[in-house]
Amino acid sequence: MEIELIIQLSLLGLVVGFAAGLLGVGGGGILVPMLTSIYLAEQIVPSHAVHLALGTSMACIITTTLSSAFSHYKNHNVDWESVKAMVPLIIVGAIAISFLVPFINTSFLAVFFSLFMFSISIKLFFNKQHITANKTKIPPQLAGLGIGSISTLVAIGGAVLIVPYLMSRGLEMRRAIGSSAAIGFPIAISGTIGYAINGHISAEDLGNNQAIIGFVHIPSVIIISICGFVMAPVGVMMSTKLPVKVLKKIFAVLLVCLSIKMLMNVML
C-alpha cells in the first residue's frame, strides 16, 4: 500500500471513531461515500467501488458496535427480550440481501444510499430521530427482517431504524439505544460475512489488489478499525464539553454533502 492511501484511511478512521464517540452515530454515513471516493481515486477496483465501500464499511463498524454494545451491557441498558426476538431474522435479512448486492447496479446503489442518508440527515438535523408515533403493531421478527436487509444494503449498524422501532414498542430511550447497540453487532457480523462470501470481482477487475475478500478490502478494515477504536473514547470525553446538538446539525449537513459527492463520482 502507498503511504498516501494509509494516511487517508487513518484519517478517515480517526474521524469516524471521534464522530461515533461524540454523537453516538455509526460510521456508515461517512465511510461509504469517502471509501468510494478513495477507491475511485486510487483505482482500487473502480468498477466495483461502491460495492467495495459498502462491504468494507460493514466490516469496519464491527468494532464500533461491539464496543458500544459492551458499554451498554455493563450499564444494564439492554432489553434482551427485544434482542432475542429481533436478531434471528435480522441475520437472515442481512445475509439474504447480500446475495442480491452483487447483481445490483452501482448507480442504483449510489442513488439508494444517498436518498436513505438524506432522509436520515433530515431527522438528525431536526433532532427527531427518536420521536415515535403510535405504538407499532409490526412484530419484532418482521421488523428484524426488514431492518437487517436495509442496514446491510446501506452498510449501517441499524440504530436509526432500531431505536425508533423499539421506542414505539414501549421501551424508554436509554434501553432502546442500548438494545440497538446489541442488535447492531450481529448486523455488522452478518453483513460482513455476506459481503465477503457473495461479493465477486473478476480476476481482470481485481488486478493486483489481492487483499480483498469478496467485497471487503482487508487493509482498509484493519487501519480504519484501529484508528476508530483509538479515537472513539476521545469523542465520548468531548461529548460533555462540546455543543452536541449543534454538531449533530453540522454532521447532518456533512452526510448530505458526502452522499452527493459519492453520487457525482459514480455518475460521472
Protein backbone atom coordinates (compact mmCIF):
# COMPACT_ATOMS: atom_id res chain seq x y z
CA MET A 1 0.00 0.00 0.00
CA GLU A 2 1.16 3.50 -0.76
CA ILE A 3 1.78 5.80 2.17
CA GLU A 4 -0.78 8.29 0.83
CA LEU A 5 -3.52 5.65 0.97
CA ILE A 6 -2.52 4.62 4.50
CA ILE A 7 -2.72 8.26 5.64
CA GLN A 8 -6.15 8.72 4.02
CA LEU A 9 -7.55 5.59 5.68
CA SER A 10 -6.02 6.51 9.04
CA LEU A 11 -7.55 9.98 9.00
CA LEU A 12 -10.89 8.50 7.96
CA GLY A 13 -10.74 6.06 10.87
CA LEU A 14 -9.95 8.86 13.32
CA VAL A 15 -12.88 10.96 12.09
CA VAL A 16 -15.31 8.05 12.20
CA GLY A 17 -14.19 6.99 15.68
CA PHE A 18 -14.46 10.54 17.00
CA ALA A 19 -17.94 11.02 15.48
CA ALA A 20 -19.12 7.70 16.89
CA GLY A 21 -17.98 8.62 20.39
CA LEU A 22 -19.14 12.23 20.25
CA LEU A 23 -22.51 11.89 18.53
CA GLY A 24 -23.39 8.25 19.09
CA VAL A 25 -23.70 7.59 15.36
CA GLY A 26 -22.36 4.76 13.28
CA GLY A 27 -19.71 5.31 10.65
CA GLY A 28 -21.51 4.07 7.55
CA GLY A 29 -22.74 7.52 6.54
CA ILE A 30 -19.16 8.78 6.43
CA LEU A 31 -17.35 5.60 5.43
CA VAL A 32 -19.30 4.60 2.32
CA PRO A 33 -19.02 7.89 0.36
CA MET A 34 -15.43 8.52 1.49
CA LEU A 35 -14.26 4.98 0.71
CA THR A 36 -15.99 5.17 -2.68
CA SER A 37 -14.08 8.36 -3.47
CA ILE A 38 -10.79 6.90 -2.21
CA TYR A 39 -11.16 3.67 -4.18
CA LEU A 40 -12.03 5.55 -7.36
CA ALA A 41 -9.11 7.96 -6.93
CA GLU A 42 -6.64 5.18 -6.11
CA GLN A 43 -8.03 2.92 -8.85
CA ILE A 44 -8.82 0.14 -6.39
CA VAL A 45 -11.31 -1.92 -8.40
CA PRO A 46 -13.11 1.22 -9.68
CA SER A 47 -15.78 -0.88 -11.44
CA HIS A 48 -16.97 -2.08 -8.02
CA ALA A 49 -16.04 0.94 -5.90
CA VAL A 50 -19.49 1.30 -4.28
CA HIS A 51 -19.85 -2.44 -3.60
CA LEU A 52 -16.38 -2.48 -2.09
CA ALA A 53 -17.11 0.60 0.02
CA LEU A 54 -20.32 -0.95 1.37
CA GLY A 55 -18.72 -4.27 2.29
CA THR A 56 -15.65 -2.64 3.82
CA SER A 57 -17.77 -0.18 5.79
CA MET A 58 -19.85 -3.05 7.15
CA ALA A 59 -16.70 -4.76 8.38
CA CYS A 60 -15.33 -1.55 9.90
CA ILE A 61 -18.36 -0.99 12.12
CA ILE A 62 -17.96 -4.39 13.81
CA THR A 63 -15.56 -2.89 16.38
CA THR A 64 -17.77 0.18 16.89
CA THR A 65 -20.93 -1.82 17.54
CA LEU A 66 -19.12 -4.33 19.77
CA SER A 67 -17.62 -1.58 21.92
CA SER A 68 -20.95 0.24 22.17
CA ALA A 69 -22.88 -2.94 22.97
CA PHE A 70 -20.45 -3.89 25.74
CA SER A 71 -20.68 -0.44 27.31
CA HIS A 72 -24.49 -0.57 27.36
CA TYR A 73 -24.41 -4.12 28.70
CA LYS A 74 -22.28 -3.01 31.65
CA ASN A 75 -24.78 -0.23 32.35
CA HIS A 76 -27.74 -2.66 32.19
CA ASN A 77 -29.29 -0.81 29.25
CA VAL A 78 -30.02 -3.85 27.06
CA ASP A 79 -33.51 -5.35 26.81
CA TRP A 80 -32.58 -8.94 26.00
CA GLU A 81 -36.16 -9.97 25.15
CA SER A 82 -36.15 -7.49 22.26
CA VAL A 83 -32.69 -8.60 21.18
CA LYS A 84 -33.66 -12.29 21.18
CA ALA A 85 -36.84 -11.58 19.25
CA MET A 86 -35.22 -9.49 16.52
CA VAL A 87 -31.75 -10.93 15.96
CA PRO A 88 -32.57 -14.29 14.25
CA LEU A 89 -34.42 -12.71 11.32
CA ILE A 90 -32.08 -9.72 11.30
CA ILE A 91 -29.30 -12.20 10.50
CA VAL A 92 -31.48 -13.83 7.83
CA GLY A 93 -32.27 -10.44 6.27
CA ALA A 94 -28.65 -9.29 6.33
CA ILE A 95 -27.30 -12.42 4.68
CA ALA A 96 -30.20 -12.72 2.22
CA ILE A 97 -29.77 -9.17 0.86
CA SER A 98 -26.04 -9.77 0.45
CA PHE A 99 -26.87 -12.40 -2.20
CA LEU A 100 -28.58 -9.70 -4.24
CA VAL A 101 -25.99 -6.92 -3.81
CA PRO A 102 -23.55 -8.23 -6.47
CA PHE A 103 -26.36 -8.05 -9.05
CA ILE A 104 -27.47 -4.53 -8.14
CA ASN A 105 -26.22 -1.80 -10.45
CA THR A 106 -23.59 0.51 -8.96
CA SER A 107 -25.56 3.63 -9.88
CA PHE A 108 -28.70 2.28 -8.22
CA LEU A 109 -26.75 1.50 -5.04
CA ALA A 110 -25.32 5.02 -5.00
CA VAL A 111 -28.76 6.61 -5.51
CA PHE A 112 -30.41 4.41 -2.87
CA PHE A 113 -27.67 5.12 -0.35
CA SER A 114 -27.80 8.87 -0.99
CA LEU A 115 -31.59 9.06 -0.65
CA PHE A 116 -31.50 6.98 2.53
CA MET A 117 -28.79 9.16 4.07
CA PHE A 118 -30.67 12.29 3.07
CA SER A 119 -33.77 11.10 4.97
CA ILE A 120 -31.64 10.24 8.00
CA SER A 121 -29.92 13.62 7.83
CA ILE A 122 -33.26 15.45 7.89
CA LYS A 123 -34.26 13.63 11.08
CA LEU A 124 -30.83 14.22 12.60
CA PHE A 125 -30.86 17.91 11.69
CA PHE A 126 -34.22 18.50 13.33
CA ASN A 127 -33.35 16.15 16.20
CA LYS A 128 -36.34 13.92 15.50
CA GLN A 129 -34.61 10.59 15.06
CA HIS A 130 -36.07 9.14 18.25
CA ILE A 131 -39.55 10.64 18.09
CA THR A 132 -42.19 7.94 17.66
CA ALA A 133 -45.84 7.96 16.77
CA ASN A 134 -48.45 5.47 17.96
CA LYS A 135 -47.42 2.10 19.26
CA THR A 136 -46.45 -0.12 16.34
CA LYS A 137 -48.16 -3.40 15.55
CA ILE A 138 -45.25 -4.70 13.48
CA PRO A 139 -43.92 -7.88 15.15
CA PRO A 140 -40.21 -7.80 16.09
CA GLN A 141 -39.42 -10.75 13.82
CA LEU A 142 -40.77 -8.99 10.72
CA ALA A 143 -39.14 -5.71 11.75
CA GLY A 144 -35.85 -7.56 12.21
CA LEU A 145 -36.02 -8.99 8.70
CA GLY A 146 -36.55 -5.55 7.17
CA ILE A 147 -34.00 -3.78 9.35
CA GLY A 148 -31.34 -6.41 8.70
CA SER A 149 -31.87 -6.13 4.95
CA ILE A 150 -31.87 -2.32 4.74
CA SER A 151 -28.96 -1.93 7.18
CA THR A 152 -26.81 -4.31 5.14
CA LEU A 153 -27.77 -2.68 1.86
CA VAL A 154 -26.56 0.75 3.07
CA ALA A 155 -23.83 -0.59 5.42
CA ILE A 156 -25.01 0.82 8.75
CA GLY A 157 -25.42 -0.64 12.23
CA GLY A 158 -29.15 -0.02 12.06
CA ALA A 159 -29.59 2.25 15.09
CA VAL A 160 -31.52 4.86 13.08
CA LEU A 161 -34.14 2.19 12.38
CA ILE A 162 -33.97 0.07 15.51
CA VAL A 163 -34.22 2.82 18.16
CA PRO A 164 -37.49 4.38 16.87
CA TYR A 165 -38.98 0.90 16.43
CA LEU A 166 -38.12 -0.24 19.97
CA MET A 167 -39.40 3.03 21.44
CA SER A 168 -42.66 2.56 19.55
CA ARG A 169 -42.94 -0.78 21.35
CA GLY A 170 -42.71 0.93 24.72
CA LEU A 171 -39.00 0.88 25.57
CA GLU A 172 -37.64 4.08 27.06
CA MET A 173 -34.92 5.79 25.05
CA ARG A 174 -31.88 4.66 27.05
CA ARG A 175 -32.83 0.97 26.86
CA ALA A 176 -33.82 1.33 23.20
CA ILE A 177 -30.38 2.74 22.38
CA GLY A 178 -28.62 0.05 24.43
CA SER A 179 -30.65 -2.72 22.82
CA SER A 180 -29.98 -1.21 19.40
CA ALA A 181 -26.24 -1.40 20.05
CA ALA A 182 -26.55 -5.08 20.99
CA ILE A 183 -28.60 -5.76 17.84
CA GLY A 184 -26.19 -3.76 15.66
CA PHE A 185 -23.29 -6.12 16.36
CA PRO A 186 -24.88 -9.20 14.70
CA ILE A 187 -25.99 -6.96 11.83
CA ALA A 188 -22.36 -5.92 11.25
CA ILE A 189 -21.09 -9.51 11.56
CA SER A 190 -23.78 -10.98 9.29
CA GLY A 191 -23.49 -8.21 6.72
CA THR A 192 -19.71 -8.56 6.59
CA ILE A 193 -19.93 -12.32 6.12
CA GLY A 194 -22.49 -11.81 3.37
CA TYR A 195 -20.40 -9.23 1.52
CA ALA A 196 -17.27 -11.37 1.90
CA ILE A 197 -18.88 -14.60 0.67
CA ASN A 198 -21.21 -13.30 -2.01
CA GLY A 199 -19.08 -10.48 -3.37
CA HIS A 200 -17.42 -11.46 -6.63
CA ILE A 201 -14.82 -9.47 -8.52
CA SER A 202 -13.31 -10.93 -11.67
CA ALA A 203 -9.56 -11.51 -11.83
CA GLU A 204 -9.36 -8.90 -14.59
CA ASP A 205 -11.04 -6.22 -12.46
CA LEU A 206 -9.17 -7.29 -9.32
CA GLY A 207 -5.74 -6.80 -10.91
CA ASN A 208 -3.04 -6.52 -8.27
CA ASN A 209 -5.49 -5.87 -5.41
CA GLN A 210 -5.15 -9.25 -3.76
CA ALA A 211 -6.02 -8.10 -0.22
CA ILE A 212 -9.74 -8.24 -1.00
CA ILE A 213 -12.18 -10.91 0.15
CA GLY A 214 -15.47 -10.69 -1.72
CA PHE A 215 -16.39 -7.01 -1.37
CA VAL A 216 -14.22 -6.39 1.70
CA HIS A 217 -10.90 -4.56 1.44
CA ILE A 218 -8.94 -6.02 4.36
CA PRO A 219 -6.22 -3.30 4.73
CA SER A 220 -8.93 -0.62 4.94
CA VAL A 221 -10.77 -2.57 7.64
CA ILE A 222 -7.63 -3.01 9.76
CA ILE A 223 -6.46 0.61 9.53
CA ILE A 224 -9.88 2.23 10.00
CA SER A 225 -10.88 -0.10 12.84
CA ILE A 226 -7.68 0.52 14.81
CA CYS A 227 -7.82 4.31 14.37
CA GLY A 228 -11.55 4.40 15.12
CA PHE A 229 -11.10 2.31 18.28
CA VAL A 230 -8.38 4.68 19.49
CA MET A 231 -10.37 7.84 18.74
CA ALA A 232 -13.84 6.82 20.00
CA PRO A 233 -13.02 7.39 23.71
CA VAL A 234 -11.85 10.90 22.84
CA GLY A 235 -15.21 11.60 21.24
CA VAL A 236 -17.01 10.28 24.32
CA MET A 237 -14.91 12.51 26.56
CA MET A 238 -15.56 15.58 24.39
CA SER A 239 -19.32 14.92 24.29
CA THR A 240 -19.63 16.56 27.70
CA LYS A 241 -17.70 19.64 26.61
CA LEU A 242 -18.93 20.40 23.09
CA PRO A 243 -22.40 21.53 21.89
CA VAL A 244 -23.56 18.13 20.65
CA LYS A 245 -26.92 19.41 19.33
CA VAL A 246 -25.16 21.93 17.10
CA LEU A 247 -22.60 19.34 15.99
CA LYS A 248 -25.39 16.93 15.04
CA LYS A 249 -26.80 19.56 12.67
CA ILE A 250 -23.36 20.06 11.15
CA PHE A 251 -22.94 16.29 10.89
CA ALA A 252 -26.32 16.00 9.13
CA VAL A 253 -25.26 18.56 6.52
CA LEU A 254 -21.93 16.74 6.13
CA LEU A 255 -23.74 13.45 5.45
CA VAL A 256 -25.78 15.07 2.69
CA CYS A 257 -22.68 16.63 1.11
CA LEU A 258 -20.74 13.35 1.25
CA SER A 259 -23.64 11.43 -0.27
CA ILE A 260 -23.96 13.95 -3.10
CA LYS A 261 -20.21 13.73 -3.68
CA MET A 262 -20.38 9.95 -3.93
CA LEU A 263 -23.34 10.18 -6.29
CA MET A 264 -21.49 12.62 -8.56
CA ASN A 265 -18.33 10.47 -8.53
CA VAL A 266 -20.25 7.38 -9.58
CA MET A 267 -22.49 9.08 -12.15
CA LEU A 268 -19.62 10.98 -13.76
